[in-house]
Amino acid sequence: MAHVHLADKAERLVPRLALRYSRRRFGRVVEPVAAAAHHSGVLVAWGALEAVAERGWRHLDPHLRWLAVQASAGEIGCSWCTDYGYYEGLQQGMDPTKVREVPRWRASDAFDERERAVLEYAESATSTPAGVPDELVERLHHHFTEVEIVELAAWIAMENFRSRFNAGLGLRSQGFSDHCDVPVGAEAAGGSG
């Protein structure tokens, strides 16, 4: 249960625009926007950061970015972000096996060495306290340019903001992954195949 009232309408201009945008983009008001609608300053700052990141952070491969974001959300335990991330990954053309395997990436053979470095870095940078081993830093420099590493760190920090905001306000999954067109394989669903 959310720790604040989730607004579905607002009198002030900024929250009203944010709620309208949410309805247009997602077909409904999503809980993070409904919660943030109580504070115009938070909405403006968050919206500006998201818009700049979406348009200007283009050095890192989008699939690697998605892996980092999903691993960070999972490390924090934000069910809203994990659910939406699953849906978003499939909509962006991620390999369905990789989408399902992020929580089990260490035991999975679905990921290559670059992807494993990203997943490990996302978990290390998200942990509290954050601790990135020197050996991992060396692997990152082997696979990525410095601009890509900086962007990777920024996406992880952005997801930490989102996930901690949502988890801190008690926001839960809204069932985005229930509407995915790609069926879950028998092994992921617990079957034996």
N, C-alpha and C. Protein backbone atom coordinates (compact mmCIF):
# COMPACT_ATOMS: atom_id res chain seq x y z
N MET A 1 0.84 -1.18 0.00
CA MET A 1 0.00 0.00 0.00
C MET A 1 0.88 1.24 0.00
N ALA A 2 0.54 2.18 -0.83
CA ALA A 2 1.31 3.42 -0.94
C ALA A 2 1.26 4.20 0.37
N HIS A 3 2.37 4.86 0.67
CA HIS A 3 2.48 5.64 1.91
C HIS A 3 1.91 7.05 1.79
N VAL A 4 1.51 7.44 0.57
CA VAL A 4 0.85 8.73 0.33
C VAL A 4 -0.37 8.47 -0.54
N HIS A 5 -1.30 9.40 -0.52
CA HIS A 5 -2.47 9.31 -1.39
C HIS A 5 -2.00 9.38 -2.84
N LEU A 6 -2.51 8.51 -3.69
CA LEU A 6 -2.14 8.51 -5.11
C LEU A 6 -3.16 9.35 -5.88
N ALA A 7 -2.71 10.51 -6.33
CA ALA A 7 -3.59 11.47 -6.99
C ALA A 7 -3.97 10.98 -8.38
N ASP A 8 -5.23 11.16 -8.74
CA ASP A 8 -5.63 10.88 -10.11
C ASP A 8 -6.08 12.16 -10.81
N LYS A 9 -6.15 13.25 -10.06
CA LYS A 9 -6.41 14.57 -10.63
C LYS A 9 -5.74 15.60 -9.74
N ALA A 10 -5.52 16.78 -10.32
CA ALA A 10 -4.82 17.83 -9.59
C ALA A 10 -5.33 19.19 -10.03
N GLU A 11 -5.22 20.14 -9.12
CA GLU A 11 -5.61 21.51 -9.41
C GLU A 11 -4.46 22.31 -10.02
N ARG A 12 -3.24 22.08 -9.54
CA ARG A 12 -2.09 22.86 -10.00
C ARG A 12 -1.64 22.40 -11.38
N LEU A 13 -1.06 23.33 -12.14
CA LEU A 13 -0.71 23.08 -13.54
C LEU A 13 0.30 21.94 -13.72
N VAL A 14 1.41 21.96 -13.02
CA VAL A 14 2.45 20.95 -13.23
C VAL A 14 1.94 19.54 -12.92
N PRO A 15 1.32 19.32 -11.77
CA PRO A 15 0.78 17.97 -11.52
C PRO A 15 -0.29 17.56 -12.53
N ARG A 16 -1.13 18.52 -12.94
CA ARG A 16 -2.17 18.22 -13.92
C ARG A 16 -1.54 17.77 -15.25
N LEU A 17 -0.48 18.47 -15.69
CA LEU A 17 0.21 18.08 -16.92
C LEU A 17 0.89 16.72 -16.78
N ALA A 18 1.48 16.47 -15.62
CA ALA A 18 2.15 15.18 -15.39
C ALA A 18 1.15 14.04 -15.41
N LEU A 19 0.01 14.22 -14.81
CA LEU A 19 -1.02 13.18 -14.81
C LEU A 19 -1.53 12.94 -16.23
N ARG A 20 -1.72 14.01 -16.99
CA ARG A 20 -2.17 13.88 -18.38
C ARG A 20 -1.12 13.14 -19.21
N TYR A 21 0.14 13.49 -19.03
CA TYR A 21 1.23 12.82 -19.75
C TYR A 21 1.24 11.31 -19.41
N SER A 22 1.09 10.98 -18.15
CA SER A 22 1.07 9.58 -17.73
C SER A 22 -0.06 8.82 -18.41
N ARG A 23 -1.23 9.41 -18.43
CA ARG A 23 -2.37 8.75 -19.08
C ARG A 23 -2.10 8.53 -20.57
N ARG A 24 -1.51 9.54 -21.22
CA ARG A 24 -1.24 9.44 -22.65
C ARG A 24 -0.15 8.40 -22.94
N ARG A 25 0.91 8.39 -22.15
CA ARG A 25 2.04 7.49 -22.41
C ARG A 25 1.74 6.05 -22.00
N PHE A 26 1.08 5.86 -20.85
CA PHE A 26 0.90 4.51 -20.30
C PHE A 26 -0.55 4.01 -20.37
N GLY A 27 -1.46 4.86 -20.78
CA GLY A 27 -2.87 4.47 -20.83
C GLY A 27 -3.54 4.54 -19.47
N ARG A 28 -2.81 5.01 -18.48
CA ARG A 28 -3.32 5.16 -17.11
C ARG A 28 -2.33 6.01 -16.32
N VAL A 29 -2.75 6.43 -15.15
CA VAL A 29 -1.83 7.16 -14.28
C VAL A 29 -0.97 6.12 -13.55
N VAL A 30 0.33 6.22 -13.74
CA VAL A 30 1.23 5.30 -13.05
C VAL A 30 1.50 5.83 -11.64
N GLU A 31 1.68 4.89 -10.72
CA GLU A 31 1.81 5.26 -9.31
C GLU A 31 2.95 6.24 -9.01
N PRO A 32 4.12 6.12 -9.62
CA PRO A 32 5.16 7.11 -9.32
C PRO A 32 4.73 8.54 -9.64
N VAL A 33 4.01 8.74 -10.73
CA VAL A 33 3.52 10.07 -11.08
C VAL A 33 2.40 10.48 -10.11
N ALA A 34 1.52 9.56 -9.79
CA ALA A 34 0.43 9.86 -8.86
C ALA A 34 0.96 10.27 -7.49
N ALA A 35 2.04 9.64 -7.05
CA ALA A 35 2.65 9.99 -5.76
C ALA A 35 3.37 11.33 -5.86
N ALA A 36 4.15 11.53 -6.92
CA ALA A 36 4.92 12.76 -7.08
C ALA A 36 4.03 13.97 -7.34
N ALA A 37 2.78 13.75 -7.74
CA ALA A 37 1.87 14.86 -8.04
C ALA A 37 1.62 15.78 -6.85
N HIS A 38 2.01 15.35 -5.67
CA HIS A 38 1.88 16.20 -4.48
C HIS A 38 2.94 17.31 -4.46
N HIS A 39 3.97 17.21 -5.29
CA HIS A 39 5.10 18.14 -5.19
C HIS A 39 5.56 18.56 -6.59
N SER A 40 5.18 19.77 -7.01
CA SER A 40 5.52 20.25 -8.35
C SER A 40 7.03 20.30 -8.59
N GLY A 41 7.79 20.68 -7.58
CA GLY A 41 9.25 20.76 -7.72
C GLY A 41 9.87 19.41 -8.03
N VAL A 42 9.37 18.37 -7.36
CA VAL A 42 9.87 17.02 -7.61
C VAL A 42 9.51 16.61 -9.04
N LEU A 43 8.29 16.88 -9.45
CA LEU A 43 7.87 16.54 -10.82
C LEU A 43 8.72 17.24 -11.87
N VAL A 44 8.97 18.53 -11.69
CA VAL A 44 9.74 19.29 -12.67
C VAL A 44 11.18 18.78 -12.73
N ALA A 45 11.81 18.60 -11.57
CA ALA A 45 13.19 18.13 -11.54
C ALA A 45 13.31 16.73 -12.14
N TRP A 46 12.44 15.84 -11.73
CA TRP A 46 12.45 14.47 -12.22
C TRP A 46 12.19 14.42 -13.72
N GLY A 47 11.18 15.16 -14.15
CA GLY A 47 10.86 15.20 -15.58
C GLY A 47 11.99 15.76 -16.42
N ALA A 48 12.64 16.81 -15.94
CA ALA A 48 13.76 17.40 -16.68
C ALA A 48 14.90 16.40 -16.78
N LEU A 49 15.24 15.75 -15.68
CA LEU A 49 16.32 14.77 -15.70
C LEU A 49 16.01 13.62 -16.65
N GLU A 50 14.81 13.09 -16.58
CA GLU A 50 14.43 11.99 -17.47
C GLU A 50 14.48 12.42 -18.94
N ALA A 51 14.00 13.63 -19.25
CA ALA A 51 13.99 14.10 -20.64
C ALA A 51 15.40 14.29 -21.16
N VAL A 52 16.27 14.90 -20.37
CA VAL A 52 17.65 15.11 -20.79
C VAL A 52 18.36 13.78 -20.96
N ALA A 53 18.16 12.86 -20.03
CA ALA A 53 18.81 11.55 -20.12
C ALA A 53 18.34 10.80 -21.36
N GLU A 54 17.06 10.80 -21.61
CA GLU A 54 16.51 10.06 -22.75
C GLU A 54 17.02 10.60 -24.08
N ARG A 55 17.21 11.91 -24.15
CA ARG A 55 17.64 12.52 -25.41
C ARG A 55 19.15 12.67 -25.53
N GLY A 56 19.85 12.77 -24.42
CA GLY A 56 21.26 13.11 -24.49
C GLY A 56 22.25 12.05 -24.05
N TRP A 57 21.77 10.99 -23.40
CA TRP A 57 22.67 9.93 -22.96
C TRP A 57 22.58 8.81 -23.99
N ARG A 58 23.38 8.91 -25.03
CA ARG A 58 23.27 7.99 -26.17
C ARG A 58 24.56 7.25 -26.49
N HIS A 59 25.53 7.23 -25.60
CA HIS A 59 26.79 6.57 -25.90
C HIS A 59 26.76 5.07 -25.59
N LEU A 60 26.00 4.69 -24.59
CA LEU A 60 25.94 3.30 -24.17
C LEU A 60 24.87 2.56 -24.96
N ASP A 61 25.19 1.35 -25.38
CA ASP A 61 24.22 0.51 -26.10
C ASP A 61 22.94 0.43 -25.27
N PRO A 62 21.75 0.68 -25.88
CA PRO A 62 20.49 0.66 -25.14
C PRO A 62 20.20 -0.66 -24.43
N HIS A 63 20.63 -1.77 -25.01
CA HIS A 63 20.39 -3.06 -24.35
C HIS A 63 21.25 -3.19 -23.09
N LEU A 64 22.45 -2.69 -23.13
CA LEU A 64 23.30 -2.70 -21.93
C LEU A 64 22.73 -1.77 -20.87
N ARG A 65 22.26 -0.62 -21.31
CA ARG A 65 21.59 0.31 -20.38
C ARG A 65 20.42 -0.39 -19.69
N TRP A 66 19.59 -1.08 -20.48
CA TRP A 66 18.43 -1.76 -19.91
C TRP A 66 18.88 -2.80 -18.87
N LEU A 67 19.92 -3.57 -19.18
CA LEU A 67 20.41 -4.56 -18.22
C LEU A 67 20.83 -3.89 -16.92
N ALA A 68 21.55 -2.77 -17.01
CA ALA A 68 22.01 -2.07 -15.81
C ALA A 68 20.83 -1.56 -14.99
N VAL A 69 19.86 -0.99 -15.64
CA VAL A 69 18.69 -0.45 -14.96
C VAL A 69 17.91 -1.58 -14.28
N GLN A 70 17.71 -2.68 -15.00
CA GLN A 70 16.94 -3.79 -14.45
C GLN A 70 17.66 -4.44 -13.27
N ALA A 71 18.97 -4.59 -13.38
CA ALA A 71 19.75 -5.17 -12.28
C ALA A 71 19.72 -4.26 -11.05
N SER A 72 19.78 -2.95 -11.25
CA SER A 72 19.71 -2.02 -10.12
C SER A 72 18.36 -2.08 -9.44
N ALA A 73 17.29 -2.10 -10.23
CA ALA A 73 15.94 -2.19 -9.65
C ALA A 73 15.79 -3.48 -8.85
N GLY A 74 16.32 -4.57 -9.38
CA GLY A 74 16.25 -5.85 -8.67
C GLY A 74 17.06 -5.84 -7.39
N GLU A 75 18.23 -5.22 -7.42
CA GLU A 75 19.07 -5.13 -6.23
C GLU A 75 18.37 -4.36 -5.11
N ILE A 76 17.65 -3.32 -5.48
CA ILE A 76 16.92 -2.51 -4.50
C ILE A 76 15.64 -3.23 -4.06
N GLY A 77 15.07 -4.01 -4.95
CA GLY A 77 13.84 -4.73 -4.63
C GLY A 77 12.59 -3.93 -4.96
N CYS A 78 12.69 -3.05 -5.95
CA CYS A 78 11.52 -2.25 -6.34
C CYS A 78 10.67 -3.05 -7.31
N SER A 79 9.53 -3.52 -6.84
CA SER A 79 8.67 -4.34 -7.70
C SER A 79 8.08 -3.52 -8.85
N TRP A 80 7.82 -2.23 -8.61
CA TRP A 80 7.28 -1.40 -9.68
C TRP A 80 8.28 -1.31 -10.83
N CYS A 81 9.53 -0.97 -10.51
CA CYS A 81 10.56 -0.82 -11.54
C CYS A 81 10.89 -2.14 -12.22
N THR A 82 10.93 -3.21 -11.47
CA THR A 82 11.22 -4.52 -12.04
C THR A 82 10.12 -4.93 -13.01
N ASP A 83 8.87 -4.73 -12.61
CA ASP A 83 7.73 -5.06 -13.45
C ASP A 83 7.74 -4.21 -14.72
N TYR A 84 7.86 -2.90 -14.57
CA TYR A 84 7.86 -2.03 -15.74
C TYR A 84 9.09 -2.32 -16.63
N GLY A 85 10.23 -2.58 -16.00
CA GLY A 85 11.44 -2.88 -16.75
C GLY A 85 11.30 -4.13 -17.60
N TYR A 86 10.65 -5.15 -17.07
CA TYR A 86 10.40 -6.38 -17.82
C TYR A 86 9.61 -6.05 -19.08
N TYR A 87 8.53 -5.31 -18.89
CA TYR A 87 7.67 -4.90 -20.01
C TYR A 87 8.47 -4.06 -21.01
N GLU A 88 9.20 -3.07 -20.51
CA GLU A 88 9.96 -2.17 -21.37
C GLU A 88 11.04 -2.93 -22.15
N GLY A 89 11.72 -3.85 -21.50
CA GLY A 89 12.74 -4.64 -22.18
C GLY A 89 12.17 -5.39 -23.38
N LEU A 90 11.04 -6.03 -23.20
CA LEU A 90 10.41 -6.77 -24.30
C LEU A 90 9.94 -5.82 -25.39
N GLN A 91 9.42 -4.66 -25.01
CA GLN A 91 8.96 -3.68 -26.00
C GLN A 91 10.13 -3.11 -26.81
N GLN A 92 11.32 -3.07 -26.20
CA GLN A 92 12.50 -2.53 -26.87
C GLN A 92 13.27 -3.59 -27.66
N GLY A 93 12.75 -4.80 -27.71
CA GLY A 93 13.36 -5.84 -28.50
C GLY A 93 14.46 -6.62 -27.81
N MET A 94 14.50 -6.56 -26.49
CA MET A 94 15.48 -7.37 -25.76
C MET A 94 15.17 -8.86 -25.98
N ASP A 95 16.20 -9.66 -25.95
CA ASP A 95 16.04 -11.11 -26.03
C ASP A 95 15.21 -11.55 -24.82
N PRO A 96 14.06 -12.21 -25.04
CA PRO A 96 13.21 -12.61 -23.92
C PRO A 96 13.94 -13.46 -22.88
N THR A 97 14.88 -14.28 -23.31
CA THR A 97 15.63 -15.09 -22.36
C THR A 97 16.42 -14.19 -21.42
N LYS A 98 17.06 -13.17 -21.96
CA LYS A 98 17.83 -12.25 -21.12
C LYS A 98 16.92 -11.48 -20.17
N VAL A 99 15.75 -11.09 -20.66
CA VAL A 99 14.80 -10.37 -19.80
C VAL A 99 14.44 -11.22 -18.59
N ARG A 100 14.17 -12.50 -18.82
CA ARG A 100 13.80 -13.40 -17.73
C ARG A 100 14.98 -13.74 -16.83
N GLU A 101 16.19 -13.75 -17.38
CA GLU A 101 17.35 -14.24 -16.63
C GLU A 101 18.08 -13.18 -15.81
N VAL A 102 17.74 -11.91 -15.91
CA VAL A 102 18.47 -10.89 -15.14
C VAL A 102 18.56 -11.23 -13.66
N PRO A 103 17.50 -11.65 -13.00
CA PRO A 103 17.64 -11.96 -11.57
C PRO A 103 18.60 -13.12 -11.27
N ARG A 104 18.84 -13.95 -12.28
CA ARG A 104 19.71 -15.13 -12.12
C ARG A 104 20.94 -15.05 -13.01
N TRP A 105 21.40 -13.85 -13.31
CA TRP A 105 22.44 -13.67 -14.32
C TRP A 105 23.73 -14.42 -14.00
N ARG A 106 24.08 -14.56 -12.74
CA ARG A 106 25.35 -15.23 -12.39
C ARG A 106 25.33 -16.71 -12.80
N ALA A 107 24.18 -17.35 -12.72
CA ALA A 107 24.07 -18.78 -13.04
C ALA A 107 23.63 -19.03 -14.48
N SER A 108 23.28 -17.97 -15.19
CA SER A 108 22.75 -18.10 -16.54
C SER A 108 23.87 -18.05 -17.59
N ASP A 109 23.67 -18.79 -18.67
CA ASP A 109 24.61 -18.71 -19.79
C ASP A 109 24.08 -17.79 -20.89
N ALA A 110 23.08 -16.98 -20.59
CA ALA A 110 22.46 -16.09 -21.58
C ALA A 110 23.27 -14.82 -21.85
N PHE A 111 24.24 -14.51 -21.00
CA PHE A 111 24.92 -13.23 -21.09
C PHE A 111 26.39 -13.39 -21.49
N ASP A 112 26.86 -12.44 -22.31
CA ASP A 112 28.27 -12.44 -22.68
C ASP A 112 29.08 -11.67 -21.62
N GLU A 113 30.39 -11.58 -21.83
CA GLU A 113 31.27 -10.97 -20.83
C GLU A 113 30.98 -9.48 -20.62
N ARG A 114 30.66 -8.76 -21.68
CA ARG A 114 30.30 -7.33 -21.53
C ARG A 114 29.05 -7.19 -20.67
N GLU A 115 28.05 -7.99 -20.98
CA GLU A 115 26.80 -7.92 -20.24
C GLU A 115 27.01 -8.31 -18.78
N ARG A 116 27.82 -9.30 -18.53
CA ARG A 116 28.12 -9.71 -17.15
C ARG A 116 28.82 -8.59 -16.40
N ALA A 117 29.73 -7.88 -17.06
CA ALA A 117 30.40 -6.75 -16.40
C ALA A 117 29.39 -5.66 -16.04
N VAL A 118 28.46 -5.39 -16.95
CA VAL A 118 27.42 -4.39 -16.69
C VAL A 118 26.54 -4.82 -15.52
N LEU A 119 26.09 -6.05 -15.51
CA LEU A 119 25.22 -6.55 -14.45
C LEU A 119 25.93 -6.52 -13.09
N GLU A 120 27.18 -6.95 -13.07
CA GLU A 120 27.94 -6.94 -11.82
C GLU A 120 28.17 -5.50 -11.34
N TYR A 121 28.49 -4.61 -12.27
CA TYR A 121 28.71 -3.21 -11.91
C TYR A 121 27.43 -2.58 -11.36
N ALA A 122 26.30 -2.87 -12.00
CA ALA A 122 25.02 -2.32 -11.53
C ALA A 122 24.75 -2.76 -10.10
N GLU A 123 24.97 -4.03 -9.80
CA GLU A 123 24.75 -4.52 -8.44
C GLU A 123 25.75 -3.89 -7.46
N SER A 124 27.02 -3.82 -7.86
CA SER A 124 28.05 -3.27 -6.97
C SER A 124 27.82 -1.79 -6.67
N ALA A 125 27.46 -1.03 -7.70
CA ALA A 125 27.24 0.41 -7.53
C ALA A 125 25.94 0.70 -6.79
N THR A 126 25.00 -0.24 -6.81
CA THR A 126 23.72 -0.06 -6.13
C THR A 126 23.77 -0.51 -4.68
N SER A 127 24.66 -1.42 -4.36
CA SER A 127 24.72 -1.94 -2.99
C SER A 127 25.01 -0.81 -2.00
N THR A 128 24.68 -1.05 -0.76
CA THR A 128 24.91 -0.06 0.29
C THR A 128 25.80 -0.67 1.35
N PRO A 129 27.01 -0.12 1.55
CA PRO A 129 27.60 0.97 0.77
C PRO A 129 28.03 0.46 -0.59
N ALA A 130 28.09 1.38 -1.56
CA ALA A 130 28.53 1.01 -2.90
C ALA A 130 29.98 0.58 -2.84
N GLY A 131 30.28 -0.52 -3.48
CA GLY A 131 31.65 -1.02 -3.50
C GLY A 131 31.95 -1.69 -4.82
N VAL A 132 32.78 -1.05 -5.63
CA VAL A 132 33.12 -1.58 -6.94
C VAL A 132 34.57 -2.07 -6.87
N PRO A 133 34.79 -3.38 -6.95
CA PRO A 133 36.14 -3.93 -6.86
C PRO A 133 37.04 -3.46 -8.02
N ASP A 134 38.32 -3.31 -7.74
CA ASP A 134 39.28 -2.88 -8.76
C ASP A 134 39.27 -3.79 -9.97
N GLU A 135 39.14 -5.09 -9.75
CA GLU A 135 39.12 -6.05 -10.85
C GLU A 135 37.93 -5.78 -11.79
N LEU A 136 36.80 -5.39 -11.23
CA LEU A 136 35.63 -5.07 -12.05
C LEU A 136 35.88 -3.78 -12.83
N VAL A 137 36.50 -2.81 -12.20
CA VAL A 137 36.84 -1.56 -12.90
C VAL A 137 37.74 -1.86 -14.10
N GLU A 138 38.70 -2.74 -13.93
CA GLU A 138 39.58 -3.13 -15.04
C GLU A 138 38.78 -3.77 -16.17
N ARG A 139 37.84 -4.64 -15.83
CA ARG A 139 37.00 -5.27 -16.87
C ARG A 139 36.16 -4.24 -17.59
N LEU A 140 35.61 -3.28 -16.85
CA LEU A 140 34.81 -2.22 -17.48
C LEU A 140 35.66 -1.46 -18.50
N HIS A 141 36.89 -1.12 -18.10
CA HIS A 141 37.77 -0.38 -19.01
C HIS A 141 38.19 -1.23 -20.22
N HIS A 142 38.18 -2.52 -20.07
CA HIS A 142 38.48 -3.41 -21.20
C HIS A 142 37.35 -3.39 -22.22
N HIS A 143 36.12 -3.28 -21.74
CA HIS A 143 34.95 -3.38 -22.62
C HIS A 143 34.37 -2.03 -23.06
N PHE A 144 34.62 -0.97 -22.31
CA PHE A 144 33.92 0.29 -22.56
C PHE A 144 34.87 1.49 -22.55
N THR A 145 34.46 2.53 -23.26
CA THR A 145 35.19 3.80 -23.21
C THR A 145 34.84 4.51 -21.90
N GLU A 146 35.59 5.53 -21.57
CA GLU A 146 35.30 6.25 -20.34
C GLU A 146 33.95 6.96 -20.40
N VAL A 147 33.58 7.48 -21.57
CA VAL A 147 32.28 8.12 -21.68
C VAL A 147 31.16 7.10 -21.47
N GLU A 148 31.35 5.88 -21.95
CA GLU A 148 30.34 4.83 -21.73
C GLU A 148 30.26 4.44 -20.26
N ILE A 149 31.41 4.39 -19.59
CA ILE A 149 31.41 4.05 -18.15
C ILE A 149 30.70 5.14 -17.35
N VAL A 150 30.95 6.39 -17.69
CA VAL A 150 30.29 7.49 -16.99
C VAL A 150 28.78 7.42 -17.22
N GLU A 151 28.37 7.17 -18.46
CA GLU A 151 26.94 7.07 -18.75
C GLU A 151 26.32 5.87 -18.03
N LEU A 152 27.03 4.76 -18.00
CA LEU A 152 26.56 3.58 -17.28
C LEU A 152 26.33 3.92 -15.81
N ALA A 153 27.28 4.59 -15.20
CA ALA A 153 27.13 5.00 -13.79
C ALA A 153 25.93 5.93 -13.62
N ALA A 154 25.72 6.82 -14.59
CA ALA A 154 24.59 7.75 -14.50
C ALA A 154 23.25 7.02 -14.61
N TRP A 155 23.16 6.04 -15.52
CA TRP A 155 21.90 5.28 -15.64
C TRP A 155 21.62 4.49 -14.36
N ILE A 156 22.66 3.94 -13.78
CA ILE A 156 22.49 3.20 -12.52
C ILE A 156 22.03 4.15 -11.41
N ALA A 157 22.64 5.33 -11.35
CA ALA A 157 22.23 6.32 -10.35
C ALA A 157 20.78 6.76 -10.58
N MET A 158 20.41 6.95 -11.84
CA MET A 158 19.02 7.33 -12.17
C MET A 158 18.06 6.25 -11.69
N GLU A 159 18.40 4.98 -11.94
CA GLU A 159 17.51 3.91 -11.50
C GLU A 159 17.47 3.81 -9.99
N ASN A 160 18.57 4.10 -9.33
CA ASN A 160 18.56 4.14 -7.87
C ASN A 160 17.58 5.21 -7.38
N PHE A 161 17.57 6.36 -8.02
CA PHE A 161 16.61 7.41 -7.67
C PHE A 161 15.19 6.91 -7.85
N ARG A 162 14.89 6.36 -9.03
CA ARG A 162 13.53 5.88 -9.31
C ARG A 162 13.12 4.79 -8.32
N SER A 163 13.96 3.77 -8.20
CA SER A 163 13.61 2.61 -7.38
C SER A 163 13.49 2.96 -5.90
N ARG A 164 14.38 3.79 -5.42
CA ARG A 164 14.32 4.16 -4.00
C ARG A 164 13.13 5.09 -3.73
N PHE A 165 12.79 5.95 -4.68
CA PHE A 165 11.58 6.77 -4.57
C PHE A 165 10.35 5.87 -4.47
N ASN A 166 10.24 4.94 -5.41
CA ASN A 166 9.07 4.05 -5.45
C ASN A 166 9.00 3.14 -4.22
N ALA A 167 10.11 2.49 -3.90
CA ALA A 167 10.12 1.58 -2.75
C ALA A 167 9.90 2.36 -1.45
N GLY A 168 10.48 3.54 -1.36
CA GLY A 168 10.33 4.36 -0.15
C GLY A 168 8.91 4.84 0.06
N LEU A 169 8.14 4.94 -1.01
CA LEU A 169 6.74 5.36 -0.90
C LEU A 169 5.77 4.18 -0.96
N GLY A 170 6.31 2.97 -0.93
CA GLY A 170 5.45 1.78 -0.89
C GLY A 170 4.74 1.49 -2.20
N LEU A 171 5.27 1.96 -3.32
CA LEU A 171 4.64 1.72 -4.61
C LEU A 171 4.97 0.31 -5.08
N ARG A 172 3.99 -0.37 -5.60
CA ARG A 172 4.13 -1.77 -5.99
C ARG A 172 3.86 -1.94 -7.48
N SER A 173 4.14 -3.11 -7.98
CA SER A 173 3.94 -3.45 -9.39
C SER A 173 2.52 -3.09 -9.83
N GLN A 174 2.41 -2.58 -11.05
CA GLN A 174 1.09 -2.27 -11.61
C GLN A 174 0.72 -3.22 -12.75
N GLY A 175 1.43 -4.34 -12.87
CA GLY A 175 1.05 -5.38 -13.82
C GLY A 175 1.45 -5.13 -15.27
N PHE A 176 2.45 -4.29 -15.50
CA PHE A 176 2.90 -4.07 -16.89
C PHE A 176 3.34 -5.38 -17.54
N SER A 177 4.08 -6.20 -16.81
CA SER A 177 4.60 -7.44 -17.40
C SER A 177 3.48 -8.42 -17.74
N ASP A 178 2.31 -8.24 -17.16
CA ASP A 178 1.17 -9.11 -17.48
C ASP A 178 0.69 -8.90 -18.92
N HIS A 179 1.09 -7.79 -19.52
CA HIS A 179 0.61 -7.44 -20.85
C HIS A 179 1.67 -7.61 -21.93
N CYS A 180 2.69 -8.40 -21.63
CA CYS A 180 3.75 -8.66 -22.60
C CYS A 180 3.27 -9.65 -23.64
N ASP A 181 3.65 -9.40 -24.89
CA ASP A 181 3.26 -10.29 -25.98
C ASP A 181 4.11 -11.54 -26.07
N VAL A 182 5.30 -11.52 -25.45
CA VAL A 182 6.20 -12.66 -25.53
C VAL A 182 5.90 -13.61 -24.39
N PRO A 183 5.53 -14.86 -24.67
CA PRO A 183 5.20 -15.80 -23.59
C PRO A 183 6.46 -16.21 -22.83
N VAL A 184 6.28 -16.46 -21.56
CA VAL A 184 7.39 -16.95 -20.72
C VAL A 184 7.60 -18.41 -21.03
N GLY A 185 8.88 -18.80 -21.21
CA GLY A 185 9.21 -20.20 -21.52
C GLY A 185 8.88 -21.12 -20.36
N ALA A 186 8.75 -22.39 -20.64
CA ALA A 186 8.38 -23.38 -19.63
C ALA A 186 9.41 -23.44 -18.51
N GLU A 187 10.72 -23.33 -18.86
CA GLU A 187 11.73 -23.41 -17.81
C GLU A 187 11.67 -22.19 -16.88
N ALA A 188 11.32 -21.03 -17.40
CA ALA A 188 11.24 -19.84 -16.55
C ALA A 188 9.98 -19.90 -15.68
N ALA A 189 8.94 -20.56 -16.19
CA ALA A 189 7.70 -20.65 -15.44
C ALA A 189 7.70 -21.80 -14.44
N GLY A 190 8.80 -22.54 -14.40
CA GLY A 190 8.89 -23.62 -13.42
C GLY A 190 8.61 -25.00 -13.99
N GLY A 191 8.29 -25.06 -15.29
CA GLY A 191 8.04 -26.36 -15.90
C GLY A 191 9.32 -27.06 -16.29
N SER A 192 9.21 -28.28 -16.67
CA SER A 192 10.39 -29.04 -17.03
C SER A 192 10.61 -29.11 -18.54
N GLY A 193 9.73 -28.54 -19.33
CA GLY A 193 9.91 -28.47 -20.78
C GLY A 193 9.28 -29.56 -21.47
